[in-house]
């Protein structure tokens, strides 16, 4: 049984690991994790080079992470329901 709250938490704080944890879409989880690493680099660069754009970037990343947290939660619940 997968824990939906764990999948949601992992995906909220760093895109991808929650998807990897559930295991249904491993390739997507790996790509999201690599994308999150690249996005973190871009976000840190924007923070120092264009500080006025940082709030926009932060808001976009927050929304994406919220979406992926919901997706991870729902996917874990679906995997658990299918296993019953």
PDB file of N, CA and C in Angstrom:
ATOM      1  N   UNK A   1       0.843  -1.190   0.000  1.00  0.00           N
ATOM      2  CA  UNK A   1       0.000   0.000   0.000  1.00  0.00           C
ATOM      3  C   UNK A   1       0.887   1.251   0.000  1.00  0.00           C
ATOM      4  N   UNK A   2       0.579   2.104  -0.909  1.00  0.00           N
ATOM      5  CA  UNK A   2       1.294   3.381  -0.993  1.00  0.00           C
ATOM      6  C   UNK A   2       0.587   4.407  -0.124  1.00  0.00           C
ATOM      7  N   UNK A   3       1.354   5.270   0.483  1.00  0.00           N
ATOM      8  CA  UNK A   3       0.804   6.320   1.346  1.00  0.00           C
ATOM      9  C   UNK A   3       0.586   7.583   0.509  1.00  0.00           C
ATOM     10  N   UNK A   4      -0.684   7.942   0.267  1.00  0.00           N
ATOM     11  CA  UNK A   4      -0.956   9.134  -0.555  1.00  0.00           C
ATOM     12  C   UNK A   4      -0.343  10.406   0.006  1.00  0.00           C
ATOM     13  N   UNK A   5      -0.335  10.569   1.322  1.00  0.00           N
ATOM     14  CA  UNK A   5       0.225  11.791   1.913  1.00  0.00           C
ATOM     15  C   UNK A   5       1.725  11.881   1.651  1.00  0.00           C
ATOM     16  N   UNK A   6       2.411  10.714   1.617  1.00  0.00           N
ATOM     17  CA  UNK A   6       3.848  10.726   1.356  1.00  0.00           C
ATOM     18  C   UNK A   6       4.131  11.101  -0.099  1.00  0.00           C
ATOM     19  N   UNK A   7       3.362  10.541  -1.019  1.00  0.00           N
ATOM     20  CA  UNK A   7       3.528  10.897  -2.432  1.00  0.00           C
ATOM     21  C   UNK A   7       3.276  12.395  -2.644  1.00  0.00           C
ATOM     22  N   UNK A   8       2.239  12.923  -1.992  1.00  0.00           N
ATOM     23  CA  UNK A   8       1.925  14.345  -2.120  1.00  0.00           C
ATOM     24  C   UNK A   8       3.037  15.213  -1.539  1.00  0.00           C
ATOM     25  N   UNK A   9       3.533  14.850  -0.382  1.00  0.00           N
ATOM     26  CA  UNK A   9       4.598  15.624   0.266  1.00  0.00           C
ATOM     27  C   UNK A   9       5.873  15.617  -0.568  1.00  0.00           C
ATOM     28  N   UNK A  10       6.243  14.445  -1.062  1.00  0.00           N
ATOM     29  CA  UNK A  10       7.449  14.357  -1.889  1.00  0.00           C
ATOM     30  C   UNK A  10       7.320  15.213  -3.144  1.00  0.00           C
ATOM     31  N   UNK A  11       6.171  15.138  -3.799  1.00  0.00           N
ATOM     32  CA  UNK A  11       5.989  15.929  -5.017  1.00  0.00           C
ATOM     33  C   UNK A  11       5.855  17.421  -4.740  1.00  0.00           C
ATOM     34  N   UNK A  12       5.339  17.790  -3.588  1.00  0.00           N
ATOM     35  CA  UNK A  12       5.206  19.216  -3.293  1.00  0.00           C
ATOM     36  C   UNK A  12       6.565  19.875  -3.092  1.00  0.00           C
ATOM     37  N   UNK A  13       7.433  19.214  -2.346  1.00  0.00           N
ATOM     38  CA  UNK A  13       8.715  19.844  -2.031  1.00  0.00           C
ATOM     39  C   UNK A  13       9.757  19.684  -3.127  1.00  0.00           C
ATOM     40  N   UNK A  14       9.582  18.681  -3.987  1.00  0.00           N
ATOM     41  CA  UNK A  14      10.534  18.486  -5.087  1.00  0.00           C
ATOM     42  C   UNK A  14       9.860  17.628  -6.132  1.00  0.00           C
ATOM     43  N   UNK A  15       9.525  18.197  -7.284  1.00  0.00           N
ATOM     44  CA  UNK A  15       8.763  17.478  -8.306  1.00  0.00           C
ATOM     45  C   UNK A  15       9.435  16.152  -8.679  1.00  0.00           C
ATOM     46  N   UNK A  16       8.648  15.102  -8.740  1.00  0.00           N
ATOM     47  CA  UNK A  16       9.143  13.830  -9.251  1.00  0.00           C
ATOM     48  C   UNK A  16       9.271  12.689  -8.266  1.00  0.00           C
ATOM     49  N   UNK A  17       9.848  12.888  -7.086  1.00  0.00           N
ATOM     50  CA  UNK A  17      10.032  11.750  -6.185  1.00  0.00           C
ATOM     51  C   UNK A  17       8.729  11.081  -5.746  1.00  0.00           C
ATOM     52  N   UNK A  18       7.654  11.839  -5.630  1.00  0.00           N
ATOM     53  CA  UNK A  18       6.370  11.230  -5.274  1.00  0.00           C
ATOM     54  C   UNK A  18       5.863  10.318  -6.371  1.00  0.00           C
ATOM     55  N   UNK A  19       6.076  10.721  -7.616  1.00  0.00           N
ATOM     56  CA  UNK A  19       5.696   9.895  -8.754  1.00  0.00           C
ATOM     57  C   UNK A  19       6.556   8.641  -8.804  1.00  0.00           C
ATOM     58  N   UNK A  20       7.837   8.785  -8.516  1.00  0.00           N
ATOM     59  CA  UNK A  20       8.714   7.615  -8.441  1.00  0.00           C
ATOM     60  C   UNK A  20       8.291   6.683  -7.308  1.00  0.00           C
ATOM     61  N   UNK A  21       7.911   7.246  -6.177  1.00  0.00           N
ATOM     62  CA  UNK A  21       7.479   6.459  -5.026  1.00  0.00           C
ATOM     63  C   UNK A  21       6.263   5.595  -5.360  1.00  0.00           C
ATOM     64  N   UNK A  22       5.286   6.180  -6.059  1.00  0.00           N
ATOM     65  CA  UNK A  22       4.084   5.424  -6.419  1.00  0.00           C
ATOM     66  C   UNK A  22       4.447   4.309  -7.397  1.00  0.00           C
ATOM     67  N   UNK A  23       5.346   4.590  -8.338  1.00  0.00           N
ATOM     68  CA  UNK A  23       5.874   3.561  -9.222  1.00  0.00           C
ATOM     69  C   UNK A  23       5.069   3.271 -10.469  1.00  0.00           C
ATOM     70  N   UNK A  24       3.961   3.940 -10.673  1.00  0.00           N
ATOM     71  CA  UNK A  24       3.130   3.681 -11.847  1.00  0.00           C
ATOM     72  C   UNK A  24       3.722   4.322 -13.104  1.00  0.00           C
ATOM     73  N   UNK A  25       4.288   5.507 -12.956  1.00  0.00           N
ATOM     74  CA  UNK A  25       4.878   6.245 -14.086  1.00  0.00           C
ATOM     75  C   UNK A  25       6.325   6.601 -13.737  1.00  0.00           C
ATOM     76  N   UNK A  26       7.185   5.593 -13.712  1.00  0.00           N
ATOM     77  CA  UNK A  26       8.578   5.806 -13.287  1.00  0.00           C
ATOM     78  C   UNK A  26       9.351   6.722 -14.228  1.00  0.00           C
ATOM     79  N   UNK A  27       9.129   6.581 -15.540  1.00  0.00           N
ATOM     80  CA  UNK A  27       9.852   7.429 -16.495  1.00  0.00           C
ATOM     81  C   UNK A  27       9.478   8.898 -16.286  1.00  0.00           C
ATOM     82  N   UNK A  28       8.185   9.165 -16.085  1.00  0.00           N
ATOM     83  CA  UNK A  28       7.752  10.537 -15.827  1.00  0.00           C
ATOM     84  C   UNK A  28       8.370  11.059 -14.532  1.00  0.00           C
ATOM     85  N   UNK A  29       8.404  10.242 -13.512  1.00  0.00           N
ATOM     86  CA  UNK A  29       9.005  10.653 -12.240  1.00  0.00           C
ATOM     87  C   UNK A  29      10.472  11.000 -12.387  1.00  0.00           C
ATOM     88  N   UNK A  30      11.187  10.202 -13.181  1.00  0.00           N
ATOM     89  CA  UNK A  30      12.611  10.473 -13.397  1.00  0.00           C
ATOM     90  C   UNK A  30      12.803  11.780 -14.173  1.00  0.00           C
ATOM     91  N   UNK A  31      11.983  11.994 -15.192  1.00  0.00           N
ATOM     92  CA  UNK A  31      12.086  13.231 -15.986  1.00  0.00           C
ATOM     93  C   UNK A  31      11.727  14.443 -15.132  1.00  0.00           C
ATOM     94  N   UNK A  32      10.680  14.320 -14.325  1.00  0.00           N
ATOM     95  CA  UNK A  32      10.305  15.434 -13.446  1.00  0.00           C
ATOM     96  C   UNK A  32      11.411  15.753 -12.451  1.00  0.00           C
ATOM     97  N   UNK A  33      12.046  14.736 -11.916  1.00  0.00           N
ATOM     98  CA  UNK A  33      13.127  14.955 -10.962  1.00  0.00           C
ATOM     99  C   UNK A  33      14.292  15.683 -11.628  1.00  0.00           C
ATOM    100  N   UNK A  34      14.672  15.240 -12.827  1.00  0.00           N
ATOM    101  CA  UNK A  34      15.748  15.927 -13.554  1.00  0.00           C
ATOM    102  C   UNK A  34      15.342  17.350 -13.916  1.00  0.00           C
ATOM    103  N   UNK A  35      14.086  17.527 -14.309  1.00  0.00           N
ATOM    104  CA  UNK A  35      13.588  18.864 -14.614  1.00  0.00           C
ATOM    105  C   UNK A  35      13.595  19.767 -13.388  1.00  0.00           C
ATOM    106  N   UNK A  36      13.280  19.199 -12.228  1.00  0.00           N
ATOM    107  CA  UNK A  36      13.287  19.983 -10.992  1.00  0.00           C
ATOM    108  C   UNK A  36      14.692  20.449 -10.640  1.00  0.00           C
ATOM    109  N   UNK A  37      15.665  19.601 -10.908  1.00  0.00           N
ATOM    110  CA  UNK A  37      17.056  19.993 -10.652  1.00  0.00           C
ATOM    111  C   UNK A  37      17.437  21.165 -11.569  1.00  0.00           C
ATOM    112  N   UNK A  38      17.088  21.061 -12.844  1.00  0.00           N
ATOM    113  CA  UNK A  38      17.384  22.153 -13.787  1.00  0.00           C
ATOM    114  C   UNK A  38      16.616  23.414 -13.415  1.00  0.00           C
ATOM    115  N   UNK A  39      15.353  23.251 -13.021  1.00  0.00           N
ATOM    116  CA  UNK A  39      14.536  24.401 -12.647  1.00  0.00           C
ATOM    117  C   UNK A  39      15.079  25.100 -11.404  1.00  0.00           C
ATOM    118  N   UNK A  40      15.608  24.330 -10.479  1.00  0.00           N
ATOM    119  CA  UNK A  40      16.214  24.922  -9.287  1.00  0.00           C
ATOM    120  C   UNK A  40      17.401  25.797  -9.668  1.00  0.00           C
ATOM    121  N   UNK A  41      18.214  25.318 -10.607  1.00  0.00           N
ATOM    122  CA  UNK A  41      19.346  26.118 -11.085  1.00  0.00           C
ATOM    123  C   UNK A  41      18.864  27.421 -11.722  1.00  0.00           C
ATOM    124  N   UNK A  42      17.842  27.323 -12.566  1.00  0.00           N
ATOM    125  CA  UNK A  42      17.294  28.519 -13.227  1.00  0.00           C
ATOM    126  C   UNK A  42      16.717  29.474 -12.188  1.00  0.00           C
ATOM    127  N   UNK A  43      15.984  28.922 -11.222  1.00  0.00           N
ATOM    128  CA  UNK A  43      15.367  29.756 -10.192  1.00  0.00           C
ATOM    129  C   UNK A  43      16.427  30.503  -9.382  1.00  0.00           C
ATOM    130  N   UNK A  44      17.502  29.836  -9.039  1.00  0.00           N
ATOM    131  CA  UNK A  44      18.573  30.500  -8.282  1.00  0.00           C
ATOM    132  C   UNK A  44      19.278  31.551  -9.136  1.00  0.00           C
ATOM    133  N   UNK A  45      19.423  31.283 -10.424  1.00  0.00           N
ATOM    134  CA  UNK A  45      20.033  32.269 -11.323  1.00  0.00           C
ATOM    135  C   UNK A  45      19.160  33.501 -11.455  1.00  0.00           C
ATOM    136  N   UNK A  46      17.857  33.292 -11.583  1.00  0.00           N
ATOM    137  CA  UNK A  46      16.935  34.426 -11.694  1.00  0.00           C
ATOM    138  C   UNK A  46      16.953  35.261 -10.419  1.00  0.00           C
ATOM    139  N   UNK A  47      17.061  34.580  -9.287  1.00  0.00           N
ATOM    140  CA  UNK A  47      17.062  35.297  -8.013  1.00  0.00           C
ATOM    141  C   UNK A  47      18.215  36.286  -7.934  1.00  0.00           C
ATOM    142  N   UNK A  48      19.374  35.929  -8.478  1.00  0.00           N
ATOM    143  CA  UNK A  48      20.533  36.822  -8.392  1.00  0.00           C
ATOM    144  C   UNK A  48      20.636  37.771  -9.586  1.00  0.00           C
ATOM    145  N   UNK A  49      20.243  37.312 -10.782  1.00  0.00           N
ATOM    146  CA  UNK A  49      20.426  38.127 -11.984  1.00  0.00           C
ATOM    147  C   UNK A  49      19.233  39.018 -12.303  1.00  0.00           C
ATOM    148  N   UNK A  50      18.038  38.593 -11.945  1.00  0.00           N
ATOM    149  CA  UNK A  50      16.843  39.394 -12.227  1.00  0.00           C
ATOM    150  C   UNK A  50      15.885  39.281 -11.046  1.00  0.00           C
ATOM    151  N   UNK A  51      16.218  39.927  -9.946  1.00  0.00           N
ATOM    152  CA  UNK A  51      15.417  39.759  -8.733  1.00  0.00           C
ATOM    153  C   UNK A  51      13.950  40.160  -8.885  1.00  0.00           C
ATOM    154  N   UNK A  52      13.634  41.021  -9.822  1.00  0.00           N
ATOM    155  CA  UNK A  52      12.236  41.430 -10.012  1.00  0.00           C
ATOM    156  C   UNK A  52      11.395  40.288 -10.577  1.00  0.00           C
ATOM    157  N   UNK A  53      12.030  39.354 -11.282  1.00  0.00           N
ATOM    158  CA  UNK A  53      11.304  38.223 -11.855  1.00  0.00           C
ATOM    159  C   UNK A  53      11.159  37.049 -10.888  1.00  0.00           C
ATOM    160  N   UNK A  54      11.897  37.080  -9.798  1.00  0.00           N
ATOM    161  CA  UNK A  54      11.889  35.944  -8.871  1.00  0.00           C
ATOM    162  C   UNK A  54      10.503  35.659  -8.292  1.00  0.00           C
ATOM    163  N   UNK A  55       9.708  36.645  -7.887  1.00  0.00           N
ATOM    164  CA  UNK A  55       8.371  36.320  -7.359  1.00  0.00           C
ATOM    165  C   UNK A  55       7.486  35.599  -8.372  1.00  0.00           C
ATOM    166  N   UNK A  56       7.623  35.953  -9.644  1.00  0.00           N
ATOM    167  CA  UNK A  56       6.849  35.272 -10.680  1.00  0.00           C
ATOM    168  C   UNK A  56       7.298  33.822 -10.796  1.00  0.00           C
ATOM    169  N   UNK A  57       8.592  33.611 -10.809  1.00  0.00           N
ATOM    170  CA  UNK A  57       9.140  32.251 -10.895  1.00  0.00           C
ATOM    171  C   UNK A  57       8.740  31.447  -9.668  1.00  0.00           C
ATOM    172  N   UNK A  58       8.830  32.043  -8.496  1.00  0.00           N
ATOM    173  CA  UNK A  58       8.465  31.354  -7.272  1.00  0.00           C
ATOM    174  C   UNK A  58       7.000  30.943  -7.300  1.00  0.00           C
ATOM    175  N   UNK A  59       6.135  31.854  -7.744  1.00  0.00           N
ATOM    176  CA  UNK A  59       4.709  31.554  -7.830  1.00  0.00           C
ATOM    177  C   UNK A  59       4.413  30.435  -8.811  1.00  0.00           C
ATOM    178  N   UNK A  60       5.083  30.446  -9.944  1.00  0.00           N
ATOM    179  CA  UNK A  60       4.885  29.395 -10.945  1.00  0.00           C
ATOM    180  C   UNK A  60       5.334  28.041 -10.413  1.00  0.00           C
ATOM    181  N   UNK A  61       6.476  28.010  -9.752  1.00  0.00           N
ATOM    182  CA  UNK A  61       6.975  26.752  -9.180  1.00  0.00           C
ATOM    183  C   UNK A  61       6.047  26.273  -8.068  1.00  0.00           C
ATOM    184  N   UNK A  62       5.547  27.184  -7.256  1.00  0.00           N
ATOM    185  CA  UNK A  62       4.617  26.807  -6.182  1.00  0.00           C
ATOM    186  C   UNK A  62       3.353  26.174  -6.761  1.00  0.00           C
ATOM    187  N   UNK A  63       2.803  26.778  -7.815  1.00  0.00           N
ATOM    188  CA  UNK A  63       1.609  26.218  -8.452  1.00  0.00           C
ATOM    189  C   UNK A  63       1.887  24.847  -9.064  1.00  0.00           C
ATOM    190  N   UNK A  64       3.015  24.702  -9.737  1.00  0.00           N
ATOM    191  CA  UNK A  64       3.358  23.405 -10.321  1.00  0.00           C
ATOM    192  C   UNK A  64       3.517  22.343  -9.245  1.00  0.00           C
ATOM    193  N   UNK A  65       4.207  22.682  -8.171  1.00  0.00           N
ATOM    194  CA  UNK A  65       4.417  21.709  -7.102  1.00  0.00           C
ATOM    195  C   UNK A  65       3.093  21.333  -6.435  1.00  0.00           C
ATOM    196  N   UNK A  66       2.186  22.289  -6.305  1.00  0.00           N
ATOM    197  CA  UNK A  66       0.862  21.989  -5.752  1.00  0.00           C
ATOM    198  C   UNK A  66       0.126  21.021  -6.674  1.00  0.00           C
ATOM    199  N   UNK A  67       0.172  21.267  -7.974  1.00  0.00           N
ATOM    200  CA  UNK A  67      -0.455  20.364  -8.935  1.00  0.00           C
ATOM    201  C   UNK A  67       0.134  18.957  -8.832  1.00  0.00           C
ATOM    202  N   UNK A  68       1.453  18.858  -8.794  1.00  0.00           N
ATOM    203  CA  UNK A  68       2.082  17.542  -8.722  1.00  0.00           C
ATOM    204  C   UNK A  68       1.806  16.849  -7.393  1.00  0.00           C
ATOM    205  N   UNK A  69       1.652  17.609  -6.321  1.00  0.00           N
ATOM    206  CA  UNK A  69       1.284  17.011  -5.030  1.00  0.00           C
ATOM    207  C   UNK A  69      -0.113  16.399  -5.111  1.00  0.00           C
ATOM    208  N   UNK A  70      -1.044  17.117  -5.710  1.00  0.00           N
ATOM    209  CA  UNK A  70      -2.400  16.580  -5.882  1.00  0.00           C
ATOM    210  C   UNK A  70      -2.368  15.345  -6.770  1.00  0.00           C
ATOM    211  N   UNK A  71      -1.604  15.409  -7.847  1.00  0.00           N
ATOM    212  CA  UNK A  71      -1.484  14.268  -8.755  1.00  0.00           C
ATOM    213  C   UNK A  71      -0.896  13.049  -8.050  1.00  0.00           C
ATOM    214  N   UNK A  72       0.148  13.257  -7.260  1.00  0.00           N
ATOM    215  CA  UNK A  72       0.756  12.147  -6.524  1.00  0.00           C
ATOM    216  C   UNK A  72      -0.208  11.531  -5.527  1.00  0.00           C
ATOM    217  N   UNK A  73      -0.969  12.375  -4.844  1.00  0.00           N
ATOM    218  CA  UNK A  73      -1.963  11.896  -3.880  1.00  0.00           C
ATOM    219  C   UNK A  73      -3.015  11.045  -4.574  1.00  0.00           C
ATOM    220  N   UNK A  74      -3.561  11.559  -5.668  1.00  0.00           N
ATOM    221  CA  UNK A  74      -4.609  10.837  -6.386  1.00  0.00           C
ATOM    222  C   UNK A  74      -4.080   9.553  -7.020  1.00  0.00           C
ATOM    223  N   UNK A  75      -2.866   9.591  -7.526  1.00  0.00           N
ATOM    224  CA  UNK A  75      -2.284   8.404  -8.139  1.00  0.00           C
ATOM    225  C   UNK A  75      -2.037   7.309  -7.100  1.00  0.00           C
ATOM    226  N   UNK A  76      -1.557   7.684  -5.933  1.00  0.00           N
ATOM    227  CA  UNK A  76      -1.336   6.690  -4.869  1.00  0.00           C
ATOM    228  C   UNK A  76      -2.659   6.085  -4.426  1.00  0.00           C
ATOM    229  N   UNK A  77      -3.699   6.908  -4.309  1.00  0.00           N
ATOM    230  CA  UNK A  77      -5.022   6.375  -3.945  1.00  0.00           C
ATOM    231  C   UNK A  77      -5.532   5.410  -5.022  1.00  0.00           C
ATOM    232  N   UNK A  78      -5.331   5.742  -6.284  1.00  0.00           N
ATOM    233  CA  UNK A  78      -5.772   4.872  -7.374  1.00  0.00           C
ATOM    234  C   UNK A  78      -5.015   3.545  -7.382  1.00  0.00           C
ATOM    235  N   UNK A  79      -3.721   3.603  -7.126  1.00  0.00           N
ATOM    236  CA  UNK A  79      -2.911   2.378  -7.076  1.00  0.00           C
ATOM    237  C   UNK A  79      -3.386   1.502  -5.906  1.00  0.00           C
ATOM    238  N   UNK A  80      -3.671   2.123  -4.772  1.00  0.00           N
ATOM    239  CA  UNK A  80      -4.160   1.364  -3.620  1.00  0.00           C
ATOM    240  C   UNK A  80      -5.525   0.742  -3.892  1.00  0.00           C
ATOM    241  N   UNK A  81      -6.402   1.493  -4.567  1.00  0.00           N
ATOM    242  CA  UNK A  81      -7.731   0.976  -4.884  1.00  0.00           C
ATOM    243  C   UNK A  81      -7.646  -0.191  -5.868  1.00  0.00           C
ATOM    244  N   UNK A  82      -6.731  -0.116  -6.825  1.00  0.00           N
ATOM    245  CA  UNK A  82      -6.569  -1.191  -7.804  1.00  0.00           C
ATOM    246  C   UNK A  82      -5.965  -2.443  -7.170  1.00  0.00           C
ATOM    247  N   UNK A  83      -5.204  -2.260  -6.103  1.00  0.00           N
ATOM    248  CA  UNK A  83      -4.569  -3.408  -5.433  1.00  0.00           C
ATOM    249  C   UNK A  83      -5.533  -4.180  -4.554  1.00  0.00           C
ATOM    250  N   UNK A  84      -6.681  -3.593  -4.241  1.00  0.00           N
ATOM    251  CA  UNK A  84      -7.663  -4.262  -3.362  1.00  0.00           C
ATOM    252  C   UNK A  84      -8.468  -5.290  -4.098  1.00  0.00           C
TER     253      UNK A  84
END
